[in-house]
Amino acid sequence: MGKNLEKELLLIKQRNSRVTADKAWETSWARRLTIAAGTYFAVLVFLLSIKAQNAFLSALVPAAAYLLSTLSMGFLKEYWLKNFYGK
């Protein structure tokens, strides 16, 4: 029984470590910038394909909007947790 309990405890610790790493990635600037860059290039390809004027500059709008939206998420998350979670 002791070995089984130790094995379960080890599995829980490993899972917690993965969850912590996933959380760190989800909130990292590396992830945000990667998504913003991907958004920029996807929109740029589209704008170039339709021969839009100022495509390089215009593609910045959705990428910047994404980055701005991530800045407010911390505040919104705290508000939501305080007022709605668990009710």
PDB file of N, CA and C in Angstrom:
ATOM      1  N   MET A   1       0.829  -1.198   0.000  1.00  0.00           N
ATOM      2  CA  MET A   1       0.000   0.000   0.000  1.00  0.00           C
ATOM      3  C   MET A   1       0.864   1.249   0.000  1.00  0.00           C
ATOM      4  N   GLY A   2       1.982   1.230   0.692  1.00  0.00           N
ATOM      5  CA  GLY A   2       2.860   2.387   0.769  1.00  0.00           C
ATOM      6  C   GLY A   2       3.448   2.753  -0.584  1.00  0.00           C
ATOM      7  N   LYS A   3       3.857   1.750  -1.350  1.00  0.00           N
ATOM      8  CA  LYS A   3       4.427   1.990  -2.682  1.00  0.00           C
ATOM      9  C   LYS A   3       3.384   2.595  -3.612  1.00  0.00           C
ATOM     10  N   ASN A   4       2.148   2.105  -3.521  1.00  0.00           N
ATOM     11  CA  ASN A   4       1.069   2.617  -4.362  1.00  0.00           C
ATOM     12  C   ASN A   4       0.790   4.087  -4.037  1.00  0.00           C
ATOM     13  N   LEU A   5       0.797   4.408  -2.754  1.00  0.00           N
ATOM     14  CA  LEU A   5       0.557   5.786  -2.320  1.00  0.00           C
ATOM     15  C   LEU A   5       1.686   6.708  -2.792  1.00  0.00           C
ATOM     16  N   GLU A   6       2.925   6.219  -2.694  1.00  0.00           N
ATOM     17  CA  GLU A   6       4.074   7.001  -3.166  1.00  0.00           C
ATOM     18  C   GLU A   6       3.982   7.238  -4.665  1.00  0.00           C
ATOM     19  N   LYS A   7       3.562   6.206  -5.413  1.00  0.00           N
ATOM     20  CA  LYS A   7       3.422   6.329  -6.865  1.00  0.00           C
ATOM     21  C   LYS A   7       2.343   7.355  -7.211  1.00  0.00           C
ATOM     22  N   GLU A   8       1.215   7.307  -6.518  1.00  0.00           N
ATOM     23  CA  GLU A   8       0.146   8.269  -6.758  1.00  0.00           C
ATOM     24  C   GLU A   8       0.592   9.686  -6.430  1.00  0.00           C
ATOM     25  N   LEU A   9       1.332   9.845  -5.343  1.00  0.00           N
ATOM     26  CA  LEU A   9       1.847  11.154  -4.965  1.00  0.00           C
ATOM     27  C   LEU A   9       2.806  11.685  -6.029  1.00  0.00           C
ATOM     28  N   LEU A  10       3.666  10.828  -6.551  1.00  0.00           N
ATOM     29  CA  LEU A  10       4.588  11.221  -7.612  1.00  0.00           C
ATOM     30  C   LEU A  10       3.825  11.647  -8.861  1.00  0.00           C
ATOM     31  N   LEU A  11       2.782  10.904  -9.223  1.00  0.00           N
ATOM     32  CA  LEU A  11       1.974  11.257 -10.390  1.00  0.00           C
ATOM     33  C   LEU A  11       1.287  12.607 -10.204  1.00  0.00           C
ATOM     34  N   ILE A  12       0.799  12.872  -9.010  1.00  0.00           N
ATOM     35  CA  ILE A  12       0.160  14.162  -8.720  1.00  0.00           C
ATOM     36  C   ILE A  12       1.177  15.290  -8.826  1.00  0.00           C
ATOM     37  N   LYS A  13       2.363  15.084  -8.301  1.00  0.00           N
ATOM     38  CA  LYS A  13       3.410  16.104  -8.386  1.00  0.00           C
ATOM     39  C   LYS A  13       3.805  16.371  -9.834  1.00  0.00           C
ATOM     40  N   GLN A  14       3.905  15.309 -10.636  1.00  0.00           N
ATOM     41  CA  GLN A  14       4.232  15.479 -12.054  1.00  0.00           C
ATOM     42  C   GLN A  14       3.130  16.252 -12.777  1.00  0.00           C
ATOM     43  N   ARG A  15       1.890  15.920 -12.487  1.00  0.00           N
ATOM     44  CA  ARG A  15       0.758  16.618 -13.095  1.00  0.00           C
ATOM     45  C   ARG A  15       0.764  18.089 -12.695  1.00  0.00           C
ATOM     46  N   ASN A  16       0.994  18.363 -11.418  1.00  0.00           N
ATOM     47  CA  ASN A  16       1.034  19.754 -10.947  1.00  0.00           C
ATOM     48  C   ASN A  16       2.146  20.531 -11.640  1.00  0.00           C
ATOM     49  N   SER A  17       3.259  19.879 -11.868  1.00  0.00           N
ATOM     50  CA  SER A  17       4.368  20.521 -12.563  1.00  0.00           C
ATOM     51  C   SER A  17       3.976  20.875 -13.997  1.00  0.00           C
ATOM     52  N   ARG A  18       3.288  19.944 -14.686  1.00  0.00           N
ATOM     53  CA  ARG A  18       2.820  20.213 -16.055  1.00  0.00           C
ATOM     54  C   ARG A  18       1.801  21.341 -16.078  1.00  0.00           C
ATOM     55  N   VAL A  19       0.878  21.345 -15.123  1.00  0.00           N
ATOM     56  CA  VAL A  19      -0.143  22.387 -15.048  1.00  0.00           C
ATOM     57  C   VAL A  19       0.512  23.751 -14.812  1.00  0.00           C
ATOM     58  N   THR A  20       1.495  23.799 -13.944  1.00  0.00           N
ATOM     59  CA  THR A  20       2.209  25.046 -13.670  1.00  0.00           C
ATOM     60  C   THR A  20       2.936  25.537 -14.919  1.00  0.00           C
ATOM     61  N   ALA A  21       3.577  24.632 -15.635  1.00  0.00           N
ATOM     62  CA  ALA A  21       4.280  25.006 -16.869  1.00  0.00           C
ATOM     63  C   ALA A  21       3.294  25.494 -17.926  1.00  0.00           C
ATOM     64  N   ASP A  22       2.156  24.809 -18.051  1.00  0.00           N
ATOM     65  CA  ASP A  22       1.128  25.242 -19.012  1.00  0.00           C
ATOM     66  C   ASP A  22       0.607  26.627 -18.676  1.00  0.00           C
ATOM     67  N   LYS A  23       0.387  26.883 -17.415  1.00  0.00           N
ATOM     68  CA  LYS A  23      -0.092  28.199 -16.967  1.00  0.00           C
ATOM     69  C   LYS A  23       0.939  29.279 -17.282  1.00  0.00           C
ATOM     70  N   ALA A  24       2.208  28.970 -17.043  1.00  0.00           N
ATOM     71  CA  ALA A  24       3.278  29.928 -17.335  1.00  0.00           C
ATOM     72  C   ALA A  24       3.309  30.249 -18.828  1.00  0.00           C
ATOM     73  N   TRP A  25       3.144  29.240 -19.679  1.00  0.00           N
ATOM     74  CA  TRP A  25       3.128  29.461 -21.129  1.00  0.00           C
ATOM     75  C   TRP A  25       1.915  30.297 -21.528  1.00  0.00           C
ATOM     76  N   GLU A  26       0.754  29.966 -20.996  1.00  0.00           N
ATOM     77  CA  GLU A  26      -0.476  30.680 -21.357  1.00  0.00           C
ATOM     78  C   GLU A  26      -0.399  32.164 -21.046  1.00  0.00           C
ATOM     79  N   THR A  27       0.346  32.555 -20.029  1.00  0.00           N
ATOM     80  CA  THR A  27       0.412  33.956 -19.629  1.00  0.00           C
ATOM     81  C   THR A  27       1.722  34.627 -20.056  1.00  0.00           C
ATOM     82  N   SER A  28       2.556  33.929 -20.815  1.00  0.00           N
ATOM     83  CA  SER A  28       3.873  34.464 -21.167  1.00  0.00           C
ATOM     84  C   SER A  28       3.803  35.457 -22.327  1.00  0.00           C
ATOM     85  N   TRP A  29       4.765  36.368 -22.326  1.00  0.00           N
ATOM     86  CA  TRP A  29       4.895  37.310 -23.437  1.00  0.00           C
ATOM     87  C   TRP A  29       5.372  36.602 -24.691  1.00  0.00           C
ATOM     88  N   ALA A  30       6.118  35.518 -24.547  1.00  0.00           N
ATOM     89  CA  ALA A  30       6.563  34.750 -25.717  1.00  0.00           C
ATOM     90  C   ALA A  30       5.348  34.236 -26.489  1.00  0.00           C
ATOM     91  N   ARG A  31       4.366  33.716 -25.788  1.00  0.00           N
ATOM     92  CA  ARG A  31       3.146  33.222 -26.436  1.00  0.00           C
ATOM     93  C   ARG A  31       2.379  34.370 -27.083  1.00  0.00           C
ATOM     94  N   ARG A  32       2.237  35.470 -26.356  1.00  0.00           N
ATOM     95  CA  ARG A  32       1.502  36.623 -26.888  1.00  0.00           C
ATOM     96  C   ARG A  32       2.146  37.159 -28.152  1.00  0.00           C
ATOM     97  N   LEU A  33       3.462  37.302 -28.116  1.00  0.00           N
ATOM     98  CA  LEU A  33       4.159  37.839 -29.286  1.00  0.00           C
ATOM     99  C   LEU A  33       4.124  36.866 -30.463  1.00  0.00           C
ATOM    100  N   THR A  34       4.169  35.567 -30.173  1.00  0.00           N
ATOM    101  CA  THR A  34       4.068  34.571 -31.234  1.00  0.00           C
ATOM    102  C   THR A  34       2.711  34.642 -31.914  1.00  0.00           C
ATOM    103  N   ILE A  35       1.647  34.763 -31.128  1.00  0.00           N
ATOM    104  CA  ILE A  35       0.300  34.877 -31.696  1.00  0.00           C
ATOM    105  C   ILE A  35       0.157  36.188 -32.466  1.00  0.00           C
ATOM    106  N   ALA A  36       0.689  37.275 -31.918  1.00  0.00           N
ATOM    107  CA  ALA A  36       0.609  38.570 -32.605  1.00  0.00           C
ATOM    108  C   ALA A  36       1.359  38.514 -33.934  1.00  0.00           C
ATOM    109  N   ALA A  37       2.535  37.908 -33.952  1.00  0.00           N
ATOM    110  CA  ALA A  37       3.306  37.788 -35.194  1.00  0.00           C
ATOM    111  C   ALA A  37       2.558  36.917 -36.211  1.00  0.00           C
ATOM    112  N   GLY A  38       2.000  35.816 -35.745  1.00  0.00           N
ATOM    113  CA  GLY A  38       1.221  34.955 -36.643  1.00  0.00           C
ATOM    114  C   GLY A  38       0.017  35.683 -37.210  1.00  0.00           C
ATOM    115  N   THR A  39      -0.640  36.458 -36.366  1.00  0.00           N
ATOM    116  CA  THR A  39      -1.784  37.253 -36.815  1.00  0.00           C
ATOM    117  C   THR A  39      -1.347  38.265 -37.866  1.00  0.00           C
ATOM    118  N   TYR A  40      -0.234  38.955 -37.585  1.00  0.00           N
ATOM    119  CA  TYR A  40       0.272  39.957 -38.523  1.00  0.00           C
ATOM    120  C   TYR A  40       0.538  39.325 -39.892  1.00  0.00           C
ATOM    121  N   PHE A  41       1.259  38.209 -39.910  1.00  0.00           N
ATOM    122  CA  PHE A  41       1.617  37.598 -41.186  1.00  0.00           C
ATOM    123  C   PHE A  41       0.410  37.011 -41.912  1.00  0.00           C
ATOM    124  N   ALA A  42      -0.536  36.454 -41.186  1.00  0.00           N
ATOM    125  CA  ALA A  42      -1.746  35.928 -41.831  1.00  0.00           C
ATOM    126  C   ALA A  42      -2.549  37.060 -42.468  1.00  0.00           C
ATOM    127  N   VAL A  43      -2.708  38.146 -41.743  1.00  0.00           N
ATOM    128  CA  VAL A  43      -3.449  39.294 -42.276  1.00  0.00           C
ATOM    129  C   VAL A  43      -2.670  39.928 -43.423  1.00  0.00           C
ATOM    130  N   LEU A  44      -1.363  40.004 -43.291  1.00  0.00           N
ATOM    131  CA  LEU A  44      -0.535  40.578 -44.354  1.00  0.00           C
ATOM    132  C   LEU A  44      -0.692  39.783 -45.651  1.00  0.00           C
ATOM    133  N   VAL A  45      -0.632  38.471 -45.561  1.00  0.00           N
ATOM    134  CA  VAL A  45      -0.802  37.634 -46.748  1.00  0.00           C
ATOM    135  C   VAL A  45      -2.168  37.906 -47.381  1.00  0.00           C
ATOM    136  N   PHE A  46      -3.195  37.973 -46.563  1.00  0.00           N
ATOM    137  CA  PHE A  46      -4.528  38.260 -47.089  1.00  0.00           C
ATOM    138  C   PHE A  46      -4.571  39.630 -47.760  1.00  0.00           C
ATOM    139  N   LEU A  47      -4.054  40.652 -47.077  1.00  0.00           N
ATOM    140  CA  LEU A  47      -4.096  42.002 -47.638  1.00  0.00           C
ATOM    141  C   LEU A  47      -3.288  42.116 -48.927  1.00  0.00           C
ATOM    142  N   LEU A  48      -2.144  41.453 -48.975  1.00  0.00           N
ATOM    143  CA  LEU A  48      -1.355  41.453 -50.203  1.00  0.00           C
ATOM    144  C   LEU A  48      -2.086  40.721 -51.322  1.00  0.00           C
ATOM    145  N   SER A  49      -2.790  39.656 -50.967  1.00  0.00           N
ATOM    146  CA  SER A  49      -3.500  38.890 -52.003  1.00  0.00           C
ATOM    147  C   SER A  49      -4.652  39.670 -52.621  1.00  0.00           C
ATOM    148  N   ILE A  50      -5.224  40.591 -51.864  1.00  0.00           N
ATOM    149  CA  ILE A  50      -6.308  41.419 -52.430  1.00  0.00           C
ATOM    150  C   ILE A  50      -5.789  42.778 -52.885  1.00  0.00           C
ATOM    151  N   LYS A  51      -4.447  42.915 -52.853  1.00  0.00           N
ATOM    152  CA  LYS A  51      -3.783  44.126 -53.315  1.00  0.00           C
ATOM    153  C   LYS A  51      -4.268  45.376 -52.586  1.00  0.00           C
ATOM    154  N   ALA A  52      -4.385  45.271 -51.268  1.00  0.00           N
ATOM    155  CA  ALA A  52      -4.826  46.399 -50.443  1.00  0.00           C
ATOM    156  C   ALA A  52      -3.702  47.420 -50.333  1.00  0.00           C
ATOM    157  N   GLN A  53      -4.084  48.669 -50.226  1.00  0.00           N
ATOM    158  CA  GLN A  53      -3.100  49.731 -50.026  1.00  0.00           C
ATOM    159  C   GLN A  53      -2.571  49.661 -48.597  1.00  0.00           C
ATOM    160  N   ASN A  54      -1.318  49.993 -48.432  1.00  0.00           N
ATOM    161  CA  ASN A  54      -0.681  50.012 -47.107  1.00  0.00           C
ATOM    162  C   ASN A  54      -0.842  48.683 -46.357  1.00  0.00           C
ATOM    163  N   ALA A  55      -0.667  47.591 -47.037  1.00  0.00           N
ATOM    164  CA  ALA A  55      -0.885  46.267 -46.434  1.00  0.00           C
ATOM    165  C   ALA A  55       0.019  46.039 -45.230  1.00  0.00           C
ATOM    166  N   PHE A  56       1.283  46.445 -45.325  1.00  0.00           N
ATOM    167  CA  PHE A  56       2.223  46.200 -44.222  1.00  0.00           C
ATOM    168  C   PHE A  56       1.811  46.960 -42.967  1.00  0.00           C
ATOM    169  N   LEU A  57       1.337  48.176 -43.146  1.00  0.00           N
ATOM    170  CA  LEU A  57       0.889  48.974 -42.017  1.00  0.00           C
ATOM    171  C   LEU A  57      -0.478  48.496 -41.518  1.00  0.00           C
ATOM    172  N   SER A  58      -1.372  48.209 -42.421  1.00  0.00           N
ATOM    173  CA  SER A  58      -2.721  47.781 -42.043  1.00  0.00           C
ATOM    174  C   SER A  58      -2.727  46.457 -41.288  1.00  0.00           C
ATOM    175  N   ALA A  59      -1.779  45.595 -41.596  1.00  0.00           N
ATOM    176  CA  ALA A  59      -1.705  44.299 -40.917  1.00  0.00           C
ATOM    177  C   ALA A  59      -1.327  44.450 -39.449  1.00  0.00           C
ATOM    178  N   LEU A  60      -0.785  45.609 -39.090  1.00  0.00           N
ATOM    179  CA  LEU A  60      -0.440  45.844 -37.688  1.00  0.00           C
ATOM    180  C   LEU A  60      -1.675  46.011 -36.804  1.00  0.00           C
ATOM    181  N   VAL A  61      -2.777  46.458 -37.379  1.00  0.00           N
ATOM    182  CA  VAL A  61      -3.970  46.771 -36.581  1.00  0.00           C
ATOM    183  C   VAL A  61      -4.484  45.560 -35.802  1.00  0.00           C
ATOM    184  N   PRO A  62      -4.777  44.428 -36.440  1.00  0.00           N
ATOM    185  CA  PRO A  62      -5.276  43.289 -35.646  1.00  0.00           C
ATOM    186  C   PRO A  62      -4.229  42.716 -34.689  1.00  0.00           C
ATOM    187  N   ALA A  63      -2.953  42.745 -35.077  1.00  0.00           N
ATOM    188  CA  ALA A  63      -1.911  42.236 -34.188  1.00  0.00           C
ATOM    189  C   ALA A  63      -1.804  43.110 -32.940  1.00  0.00           C
ATOM    190  N   ALA A  64      -1.839  44.424 -33.139  1.00  0.00           N
ATOM    191  CA  ALA A  64      -1.786  45.346 -31.998  1.00  0.00           C
ATOM    192  C   ALA A  64      -3.045  45.224 -31.142  1.00  0.00           C
ATOM    193  N   ALA A  65      -4.188  45.046 -31.784  1.00  0.00           N
ATOM    194  CA  ALA A  65      -5.440  44.890 -31.037  1.00  0.00           C
ATOM    195  C   ALA A  65      -5.383  43.643 -30.161  1.00  0.00           C
ATOM    196  N   TYR A  66      -4.813  42.574 -30.681  1.00  0.00           N
ATOM    197  CA  TYR A  66      -4.665  41.362 -29.884  1.00  0.00           C
ATOM    198  C   TYR A  66      -3.799  41.634 -28.653  1.00  0.00           C
ATOM    199  N   LEU A  67      -2.648  42.272 -28.870  1.00  0.00           N
ATOM    200  CA  LEU A  67      -1.760  42.555 -27.739  1.00  0.00           C
ATOM    201  C   LEU A  67      -2.440  43.448 -26.709  1.00  0.00           C
ATOM    202  N   LEU A  68      -3.165  44.451 -27.162  1.00  0.00           N
ATOM    203  CA  LEU A  68      -3.887  45.317 -26.224  1.00  0.00           C
ATOM    204  C   LEU A  68      -4.941  44.536 -25.451  1.00  0.00           C
ATOM    205  N   SER A  69      -5.598  43.615 -26.121  1.00  0.00           N
ATOM    206  CA  SER A  69      -6.637  42.838 -25.438  1.00  0.00           C
ATOM    207  C   SER A  69      -6.052  41.955 -24.343  1.00  0.00           C
ATOM    208  N   THR A  70      -4.817  41.497 -24.524  1.00  0.00           N
ATOM    209  CA  THR A  70      -4.206  40.651 -23.495  1.00  0.00           C
ATOM    210  C   THR A  70      -3.808  41.459 -22.271  1.00  0.00           C
ATOM    211  N   LEU A  71      -3.585  42.753 -22.450  1.00  0.00           N
ATOM    212  CA  LEU A  71      -3.220  43.588 -21.308  1.00  0.00           C
ATOM    213  C   LEU A  71      -4.383  43.764 -20.345  1.00  0.00           C
ATOM    214  N   SER A  72      -5.594  43.797 -20.867  1.00  0.00           N
ATOM    215  CA  SER A  72      -6.756  43.999 -20.007  1.00  0.00           C
ATOM    216  C   SER A  72      -7.263  42.702 -19.393  1.00  0.00           C
ATOM    217  N   MET A  73      -6.798  41.585 -19.859  1.00  0.00           N
ATOM    218  CA  MET A  73      -7.302  40.307 -19.374  1.00  0.00           C
ATOM    219  C   MET A  73      -7.007  40.082 -17.897  1.00  0.00           C
ATOM    220  N   GLY A  74      -5.874  40.519 -17.420  1.00  0.00           N
ATOM    221  CA  GLY A  74      -5.556  40.343 -16.007  1.00  0.00           C
ATOM    222  C   GLY A  74      -6.574  41.016 -15.114  1.00  0.00           C
ATOM    223  N   PHE A  75      -6.911  42.245 -15.437  1.00  0.00           N
ATOM    224  CA  PHE A  75      -7.917  42.988 -14.683  1.00  0.00           C
ATOM    225  C   PHE A  75      -9.277  42.299 -14.773  1.00  0.00           C
ATOM    226  N   LEU A  76      -9.659  41.909 -15.989  1.00  0.00           N
ATOM    227  CA  LEU A  76     -10.953  41.250 -16.165  1.00  0.00           C
ATOM    228  C   LEU A  76     -11.007  39.909 -15.444  1.00  0.00           C
ATOM    229  N   LYS A  77      -9.898  39.183 -15.472  1.00  0.00           N
ATOM    230  CA  LYS A  77      -9.850  37.891 -14.781  1.00  0.00           C
ATOM    231  C   LYS A  77     -10.048  38.085 -13.282  1.00  0.00           C
ATOM    232  N   GLU A  78      -9.335  39.039 -12.708  1.00  0.00           N
ATOM    233  CA  GLU A  78      -9.471  39.303 -11.275  1.00  0.00           C
ATOM    234  C   GLU A  78     -10.904  39.700 -10.926  1.00  0.00           C
ATOM    235  N   TYR A  79     -11.499  40.545 -11.733  1.00  0.00           N
ATOM    236  CA  TYR A  79     -12.879  40.980 -11.518  1.00  0.00           C
ATOM    237  C   TYR A  79     -13.824  39.780 -11.581  1.00  0.00           C
ATOM    238  N   TRP A  80     -13.639  38.948 -12.604  1.00  0.00           N
ATOM    239  CA  TRP A  80     -14.504  37.785 -12.777  1.00  0.00           C
ATOM    240  C   TRP A  80     -14.353  36.815 -11.612  1.00  0.00           C
ATOM    241  N   LEU A  81     -13.103  36.537 -11.218  1.00  0.00           N
ATOM    242  CA  LEU A  81     -12.877  35.616 -10.101  1.00  0.00           C
ATOM    243  C   LEU A  81     -13.530  36.137  -8.825  1.00  0.00           C
ATOM    244  N   LYS A  82     -13.407  37.420  -8.592  1.00  0.00           N
ATOM    245  CA  LYS A  82     -13.954  38.021  -7.368  1.00  0.00           C
ATOM    246  C   LYS A  82     -15.479  38.025  -7.371  1.00  0.00           C
ATOM    247  N   ASN A  83     -16.101  38.278  -8.524  1.00  0.00           N
ATOM    248  CA  ASN A  83     -17.537  38.502  -8.566  1.00  0.00           C
ATOM    249  C   ASN A  83     -18.382  37.339  -9.085  1.00  0.00           C
ATOM    250  N   PHE A  84     -17.779  36.429  -9.834  1.00  0.00           N
ATOM    251  CA  PHE A  84     -18.606  35.392 -10.465  1.00  0.00           C
ATOM    252  C   PHE A  84     -18.172  33.969 -10.183  1.00  0.00           C
ATOM    253  N   TYR A  85     -16.920  33.738  -9.889  1.00  0.00           N
ATOM    254  CA  TYR A  85     -16.437  32.385  -9.698  1.00  0.00           C
ATOM    255  C   TYR A  85     -16.993  31.799  -8.417  1.00  0.00           C
ATOM    256  N   GLY A  86     -17.534  30.631  -8.535  1.00  0.00           N
ATOM    257  CA  GLY A  86     -18.015  29.920  -7.354  1.00  0.00           C
ATOM    258  C   GLY A  86     -19.403  30.318  -6.894  1.00  0.00           C
ATOM    259  N   LYS A  87     -20.046  31.216  -7.620  1.00  0.00           N
ATOM    260  CA  LYS A  87     -21.399  31.620  -7.216  1.00  0.00           C
ATOM    261  C   LYS A  87     -22.436  30.814  -7.952  1.00  0.00           C
TER     262      LYS A  87
END
